[in-house]
Amino acid sequence: MVKRFKAETRIDHPRFSAESTSLQCRNQGFSLIELLIVISVIGIIASIAIPNLVQSKAAANEAAANNPPL
């Protein structure tokens, strides 16, 4: 038999209470999942950016070697 909840069922968790504000909920800090997501995003961005920076530096060195200063 499926148990059905009435519309007036109350959730007594502080995150779902009407009185709590977003600042009160964020006082708990970051969860491990949030930190892992941020670290993985930074890693993805770095894996894209670092090869491009190395390639740009090599092109700049080649251009500097072909055009010596006056």
PDB file of N, CA and C in Angstrom:
ATOM      1  N   MET A   1       0.844  -1.172   0.000  1.00  0.00           N
ATOM      2  CA  MET A   1       0.000   0.000   0.000  1.00  0.00           C
ATOM      3  C   MET A   1       0.897   1.245   0.000  1.00  0.00           C
ATOM      4  N   VAL A   2       0.576   2.189  -0.841  1.00  0.00           N
ATOM      5  CA  VAL A   2       1.342   3.421  -0.959  1.00  0.00           C
ATOM      6  C   VAL A   2       0.859   4.411   0.082  1.00  0.00           C
ATOM      7  N   LYS A   3       1.802   4.947   0.840  1.00  0.00           N
ATOM      8  CA  LYS A   3       1.450   5.940   1.853  1.00  0.00           C
ATOM      9  C   LYS A   3       1.424   7.316   1.203  1.00  0.00           C
ATOM     10  N   ARG A   4       0.333   7.983   1.317  1.00  0.00           N
ATOM     11  CA  ARG A   4       0.194   9.306   0.708  1.00  0.00           C
ATOM     12  C   ARG A   4       0.276  10.375   1.793  1.00  0.00           C
ATOM     13  N   PHE A   5       0.941  11.458   1.454  1.00  0.00           N
ATOM     14  CA  PHE A   5       1.084  12.559   2.390  1.00  0.00           C
ATOM     15  C   PHE A   5       0.052  13.626   2.091  1.00  0.00           C
ATOM     16  N   LYS A   6      -0.422  14.237   3.128  1.00  0.00           N
ATOM     17  CA  LYS A   6      -1.373  15.326   2.969  1.00  0.00           C
ATOM     18  C   LYS A   6      -0.618  16.586   2.574  1.00  0.00           C
ATOM     19  N   ALA A   7      -1.330  17.535   2.016  1.00  0.00           N
ATOM     20  CA  ALA A   7      -0.711  18.773   1.558  1.00  0.00           C
ATOM     21  C   ALA A   7      -0.135  19.572   2.717  1.00  0.00           C
ATOM     22  N   GLU A   8      -0.671  19.401   3.923  1.00  0.00           N
ATOM     23  CA  GLU A   8      -0.177  20.173   5.053  1.00  0.00           C
ATOM     24  C   GLU A   8       0.972  19.485   5.789  1.00  0.00           C
ATOM     25  N   THR A   9       1.541  18.437   5.192  1.00  0.00           N
ATOM     26  CA  THR A   9       2.690  17.773   5.805  1.00  0.00           C
ATOM     27  C   THR A   9       3.815  18.781   5.945  1.00  0.00           C
ATOM     28  N   ARG A  10       4.404  18.818   7.105  1.00  0.00           N
ATOM     29  CA  ARG A  10       5.415  19.825   7.394  1.00  0.00           C
ATOM     30  C   ARG A  10       6.789  19.182   7.433  1.00  0.00           C
ATOM     31  N   ILE A  11       7.738  19.807   6.802  1.00  0.00           N
ATOM     32  CA  ILE A  11       9.118  19.347   6.838  1.00  0.00           C
ATOM     33  C   ILE A  11       9.834  20.185   7.884  1.00  0.00           C
ATOM     34  N   ASP A  12      10.365  19.548   8.906  1.00  0.00           N
ATOM     35  CA  ASP A  12      10.981  20.277  10.012  1.00  0.00           C
ATOM     36  C   ASP A  12      12.492  20.408   9.872  1.00  0.00           C
ATOM     37  N   HIS A  13      12.971  20.398   8.669  1.00  0.00           N
ATOM     38  CA  HIS A  13      14.400  20.580   8.439  1.00  0.00           C
ATOM     39  C   HIS A  13      14.674  22.076   8.318  1.00  0.00           C
ATOM     40  N   PRO A  14      15.772  22.583   8.926  1.00  0.00           N
ATOM     41  CA  PRO A  14      16.025  24.034   8.891  1.00  0.00           C
ATOM     42  C   PRO A  14      16.204  24.590   7.492  1.00  0.00           C
ATOM     43  N   ARG A  15      16.649  23.778   6.545  1.00  0.00           N
ATOM     44  CA  ARG A  15      16.837  24.262   5.195  1.00  0.00           C
ATOM     45  C   ARG A  15      15.517  24.538   4.501  1.00  0.00           C
ATOM     46  N   PHE A  16      14.464  23.865   4.925  1.00  0.00           N
ATOM     47  CA  PHE A  16      13.170  24.004   4.284  1.00  0.00           C
ATOM     48  C   PHE A  16      12.207  24.886   5.060  1.00  0.00           C
ATOM     49  N   SER A  17      12.619  25.411   6.187  1.00  0.00           N
ATOM     50  CA  SER A  17      11.704  26.239   6.959  1.00  0.00           C
ATOM     51  C   SER A  17      11.593  27.623   6.337  1.00  0.00           C
ATOM     52  N   ALA A  18      10.446  28.214   6.476  1.00  0.00           N
ATOM     53  CA  ALA A  18      10.207  29.524   5.875  1.00  0.00           C
ATOM     54  C   ALA A  18      10.978  30.615   6.598  1.00  0.00           C
ATOM     55  N   GLU A  19      11.325  30.379   7.859  1.00  0.00           N
ATOM     56  CA  GLU A  19      12.003  31.411   8.644  1.00  0.00           C
ATOM     57  C   GLU A  19      13.490  31.510   8.335  1.00  0.00           C
ATOM     58  N   SER A  20      14.081  30.445   7.789  1.00  0.00           N
ATOM     59  CA  SER A  20      15.525  30.460   7.558  1.00  0.00           C
ATOM     60  C   SER A  20      15.851  31.306   6.340  1.00  0.00           C
ATOM     61  N   THR A  21      16.955  32.007   6.417  1.00  0.00           N
ATOM     62  CA  THR A  21      17.418  32.803   5.288  1.00  0.00           C
ATOM     63  C   THR A  21      18.574  32.084   4.633  1.00  0.00           C
ATOM     64  N   SER A  22      18.955  32.564   3.473  1.00  0.00           N
ATOM     65  CA  SER A  22      20.049  31.908   2.754  1.00  0.00           C
ATOM     66  C   SER A  22      21.365  32.051   3.522  1.00  0.00           C
ATOM     67  N   LEU A  23      21.524  33.127   4.282  1.00  0.00           N
ATOM     68  CA  LEU A  23      22.765  33.301   5.047  1.00  0.00           C
ATOM     69  C   LEU A  23      22.856  32.282   6.172  1.00  0.00           C
ATOM     70  N   GLN A  24      21.747  31.967   6.792  1.00  0.00           N
ATOM     71  CA  GLN A  24      21.767  30.982   7.868  1.00  0.00           C
ATOM     72  C   GLN A  24      22.099  29.605   7.320  1.00  0.00           C
ATOM     73  N   CYS A  25      21.641  29.287   6.133  1.00  0.00           N
ATOM     74  CA  CYS A  25      21.918  27.978   5.539  1.00  0.00           C
ATOM     75  C   CYS A  25      23.378  27.880   5.124  1.00  0.00           C
ATOM     76  N   ARG A  26      24.003  28.959   4.701  1.00  0.00           N
ATOM     77  CA  ARG A  26      25.369  28.906   4.210  1.00  0.00           C
ATOM     78  C   ARG A  26      26.398  28.960   5.338  1.00  0.00           C
ATOM     79  N   ASN A  27      25.983  29.142   6.579  1.00  0.00           N
ATOM     80  CA  ASN A  27      26.932  29.154   7.686  1.00  0.00           C
ATOM     81  C   ASN A  27      27.564  27.794   7.910  1.00  0.00           C
ATOM     82  N   GLN A  28      27.004  26.747   7.327  1.00  0.00           N
ATOM     83  CA  GLN A  28      27.538  25.419   7.504  1.00  0.00           C
ATOM     84  C   GLN A  28      28.808  25.196   6.694  1.00  0.00           C
ATOM     85  N   GLY A  29      29.110  26.021   5.722  1.00  0.00           N
ATOM     86  CA  GLY A  29      30.298  25.886   4.896  1.00  0.00           C
ATOM     87  C   GLY A  29      30.012  25.108   3.630  1.00  0.00           C
ATOM     88  N   PHE A  30      31.078  24.806   2.910  1.00  0.00           N
ATOM     89  CA  PHE A  30      30.955  24.087   1.654  1.00  0.00           C
ATOM     90  C   PHE A  30      30.970  22.589   1.903  1.00  0.00           C
ATOM     91  N   SER A  31      30.236  21.867   1.102  1.00  0.00           N
ATOM     92  CA  SER A  31      30.258  20.414   1.208  1.00  0.00           C
ATOM     93  C   SER A  31      31.434  19.873   0.397  1.00  0.00           C
ATOM     94  N   LEU A  32      31.766  18.632   0.624  1.00  0.00           N
ATOM     95  CA  LEU A  32      32.873  18.000  -0.081  1.00  0.00           C
ATOM     96  C   LEU A  32      32.596  17.933  -1.577  1.00  0.00           C
ATOM     97  N   ILE A  33      31.364  17.697  -1.949  1.00  0.00           N
ATOM     98  CA  ILE A  33      31.004  17.624  -3.368  1.00  0.00           C
ATOM     99  C   ILE A  33      31.225  18.976  -4.048  1.00  0.00           C
ATOM    100  N   GLU A  34      30.833  20.056  -3.386  1.00  0.00           N
ATOM    101  CA  GLU A  34      31.035  21.382  -3.968  1.00  0.00           C
ATOM    102  C   GLU A  34      32.517  21.672  -4.171  1.00  0.00           C
ATOM    103  N   LEU A  35      33.337  21.315  -3.205  1.00  0.00           N
ATOM    104  CA  LEU A  35      34.776  21.543  -3.344  1.00  0.00           C
ATOM    105  C   LEU A  35      35.372  20.696  -4.460  1.00  0.00           C
ATOM    106  N   LEU A  36      34.944  19.456  -4.582  1.00  0.00           N
ATOM    107  CA  LEU A  36      35.452  18.594  -5.654  1.00  0.00           C
ATOM    108  C   LEU A  36      35.040  19.121  -7.025  1.00  0.00           C
ATOM    109  N   ILE A  37      33.844  19.648  -7.130  1.00  0.00           N
ATOM    110  CA  ILE A  37      33.395  20.209  -8.405  1.00  0.00           C
ATOM    111  C   ILE A  37      34.232  21.422  -8.777  1.00  0.00           C
ATOM    112  N   VAL A  38      34.500  22.290  -7.821  1.00  0.00           N
ATOM    113  CA  VAL A  38      35.304  23.489  -8.091  1.00  0.00           C
ATOM    114  C   VAL A  38      36.718  23.095  -8.514  1.00  0.00           C
ATOM    115  N   ILE A  39      37.305  22.126  -7.811  1.00  0.00           N
ATOM    116  CA  ILE A  39      38.662  21.692  -8.151  1.00  0.00           C
ATOM    117  C   ILE A  39      38.694  21.060  -9.539  1.00  0.00           C
ATOM    118  N   SER A  40      37.680  20.281  -9.885  1.00  0.00           N
ATOM    119  CA  SER A  40      37.661  19.660 -11.212  1.00  0.00           C
ATOM    120  C   SER A  40      37.471  20.698 -12.319  1.00  0.00           C
ATOM    121  N   VAL A  41      36.657  21.716 -12.073  1.00  0.00           N
ATOM    122  CA  VAL A  41      36.467  22.778 -13.071  1.00  0.00           C
ATOM    123  C   VAL A  41      37.771  23.549 -13.270  1.00  0.00           C
ATOM    124  N   ILE A  42      38.471  23.844 -12.191  1.00  0.00           N
ATOM    125  CA  ILE A  42      39.760  24.532 -12.301  1.00  0.00           C
ATOM    126  C   ILE A  42      40.750  23.668 -13.080  1.00  0.00           C
ATOM    127  N   GLY A  43      40.746  22.372 -12.831  1.00  0.00           N
ATOM    128  CA  GLY A  43      41.630  21.468 -13.562  1.00  0.00           C
ATOM    129  C   GLY A  43      41.322  21.425 -15.045  1.00  0.00           C
ATOM    130  N   ILE A  44      40.041  21.429 -15.396  1.00  0.00           N
ATOM    131  CA  ILE A  44      39.652  21.418 -16.811  1.00  0.00           C
ATOM    132  C   ILE A  44      40.084  22.706 -17.491  1.00  0.00           C
ATOM    133  N   ILE A  45      39.869  23.825 -16.831  1.00  0.00           N
ATOM    134  CA  ILE A  45      40.269  25.118 -17.402  1.00  0.00           C
ATOM    135  C   ILE A  45      41.785  25.180 -17.567  1.00  0.00           C
ATOM    136  N   ALA A  46      42.533  24.689 -16.572  1.00  0.00           N
ATOM    137  CA  ALA A  46      43.993  24.689 -16.662  1.00  0.00           C
ATOM    138  C   ALA A  46      44.476  23.776 -17.781  1.00  0.00           C
ATOM    139  N   SER A  47      43.831  22.629 -17.962  1.00  0.00           N
ATOM    140  CA  SER A  47      44.257  21.710 -19.019  1.00  0.00           C
ATOM    141  C   SER A  47      44.009  22.293 -20.412  1.00  0.00           C
ATOM    142  N   ILE A  48      43.073  23.205 -20.517  1.00  0.00           N
ATOM    143  CA  ILE A  48      42.835  23.882 -21.793  1.00  0.00           C
ATOM    144  C   ILE A  48      43.788  25.060 -21.959  1.00  0.00           C
ATOM    145  N   ALA A  49      44.039  25.797 -20.894  1.00  0.00           N
ATOM    146  CA  ALA A  49      44.795  27.042 -20.989  1.00  0.00           C
ATOM    147  C   ALA A  49      46.305  26.820 -21.092  1.00  0.00           C
ATOM    148  N   ILE A  50      46.860  25.868 -20.363  1.00  0.00           N
ATOM    149  CA  ILE A  50      48.316  25.713 -20.307  1.00  0.00           C
ATOM    150  C   ILE A  50      48.909  25.364 -21.673  1.00  0.00           C
ATOM    151  N   PRO A  51      48.373  24.422 -22.428  1.00  0.00           N
ATOM    152  CA  PRO A  51      48.963  24.176 -23.756  1.00  0.00           C
ATOM    153  C   PRO A  51      48.896  25.395 -24.679  1.00  0.00           C
ATOM    154  N   ASN A  52      47.817  26.164 -24.580  1.00  0.00           N
ATOM    155  CA  ASN A  52      47.717  27.373 -25.403  1.00  0.00           C
ATOM    156  C   ASN A  52      48.761  28.408 -24.993  1.00  0.00           C
ATOM    157  N   LEU A  53      49.032  28.530 -23.706  1.00  0.00           N
ATOM    158  CA  LEU A  53      50.050  29.476 -23.257  1.00  0.00           C
ATOM    159  C   LEU A  53      51.441  29.056 -23.714  1.00  0.00           C
ATOM    160  N   VAL A  54      51.726  27.750 -23.656  1.00  0.00           N
ATOM    161  CA  VAL A  54      53.025  27.247 -24.109  1.00  0.00           C
ATOM    162  C   VAL A  54      53.191  27.492 -25.605  1.00  0.00           C
ATOM    163  N   GLN A  55      52.135  27.243 -26.362  1.00  0.00           N
ATOM    164  CA  GLN A  55      52.187  27.468 -27.806  1.00  0.00           C
ATOM    165  C   GLN A  55      52.381  28.954 -28.119  1.00  0.00           C
ATOM    166  N   SER A  56      51.718  29.828 -27.392  1.00  0.00           N
ATOM    167  CA  SER A  56      51.866  31.270 -27.608  1.00  0.00           C
ATOM    168  C   SER A  56      53.274  31.737 -27.274  1.00  0.00           C
ATOM    169  N   LYS A  57      53.838  31.183 -26.203  1.00  0.00           N
ATOM    170  CA  LYS A  57      55.196  31.554 -25.814  1.00  0.00           C
ATOM    171  C   LYS A  57      56.205  31.106 -26.868  1.00  0.00           C
ATOM    172  N   ALA A  58      56.012  29.909 -27.418  1.00  0.00           N
ATOM    173  CA  ALA A  58      56.908  29.421 -28.468  1.00  0.00           C
ATOM    174  C   ALA A  58      56.802  30.282 -29.718  1.00  0.00           C
ATOM    175  N   ALA A  59      55.598  30.695 -30.075  1.00  0.00           N
ATOM    176  CA  ALA A  59      55.415  31.561 -31.241  1.00  0.00           C
ATOM    177  C   ALA A  59      56.047  32.931 -31.006  1.00  0.00           C
ATOM    178  N   ALA A  60      55.944  33.434 -29.789  1.00  0.00           N
ATOM    179  CA  ALA A  60      56.557  34.730 -29.481  1.00  0.00           C
ATOM    180  C   ALA A  60      58.078  34.640 -29.528  1.00  0.00           C
ATOM    181  N   ASN A  61      58.635  33.539 -29.028  1.00  0.00           N
ATOM    182  CA  ASN A  61      60.094  33.367 -29.086  1.00  0.00           C
ATOM    183  C   ASN A  61      60.576  33.246 -30.524  1.00  0.00           C
ATOM    184  N   GLU A  62      59.811  32.561 -31.347  1.00  0.00           N
ATOM    185  CA  GLU A  62      60.188  32.425 -32.759  1.00  0.00           C
ATOM    186  C   GLU A  62      60.118  33.774 -33.466  1.00  0.00           C
ATOM    187  N   ALA A  63      59.088  34.549 -33.166  1.00  0.00           N
ATOM    188  CA  ALA A  63      58.961  35.874 -33.779  1.00  0.00           C
ATOM    189  C   ALA A  63      60.086  36.791 -33.317  1.00  0.00           C
ATOM    190  N   ALA A  64      60.469  36.670 -32.042  1.00  0.00           N
ATOM    191  CA  ALA A  64      61.560  37.505 -31.535  1.00  0.00           C
ATOM    192  C   ALA A  64      62.888  37.102 -32.163  1.00  0.00           C
ATOM    193  N   ALA A  65      63.085  35.820 -32.454  1.00  0.00           N
ATOM    194  CA  ALA A  65      64.329  35.368 -33.067  1.00  0.00           C
ATOM    195  C   ALA A  65      64.409  35.812 -34.531  1.00  0.00           C
ATOM    196  N   ASN A  66      63.272  35.874 -35.202  1.00  0.00           N
ATOM    197  CA  ASN A  66      63.261  36.293 -36.617  1.00  0.00           C
ATOM    198  C   ASN A  66      63.384  37.797 -36.768  1.00  0.00           C
ATOM    199  N   ASN A  67      63.028  38.552 -35.758  1.00  0.00           N
ATOM    200  CA  ASN A  67      63.096  40.022 -35.821  1.00  0.00           C
ATOM    201  C   ASN A  67      63.931  40.530 -34.640  1.00  0.00           C
ATOM    202  N   PRO A  68      65.254  40.542 -34.787  1.00  0.00           N
ATOM    203  CA  PRO A  68      66.091  41.002 -33.662  1.00  0.00           C
ATOM    204  C   PRO A  68      65.876  42.498 -33.386  1.00  0.00           C
ATOM    205  N   PRO A  69      66.083  42.915 -32.128  1.00  0.00           N
ATOM    206  CA  PRO A  69      65.897  44.339 -31.804  1.00  0.00           C
ATOM    207  C   PRO A  69      66.933  45.195 -32.515  1.00  0.00           C
ATOM    208  N   LEU A  70      66.587  46.446 -32.761  1.00  0.00           N
ATOM    209  CA  LEU A  70      67.488  47.369 -33.473  1.00  0.00           C
ATOM    210  C   LEU A  70      68.547  47.940 -32.593  1.00  0.00           C
TER     211      LEU A  70
END
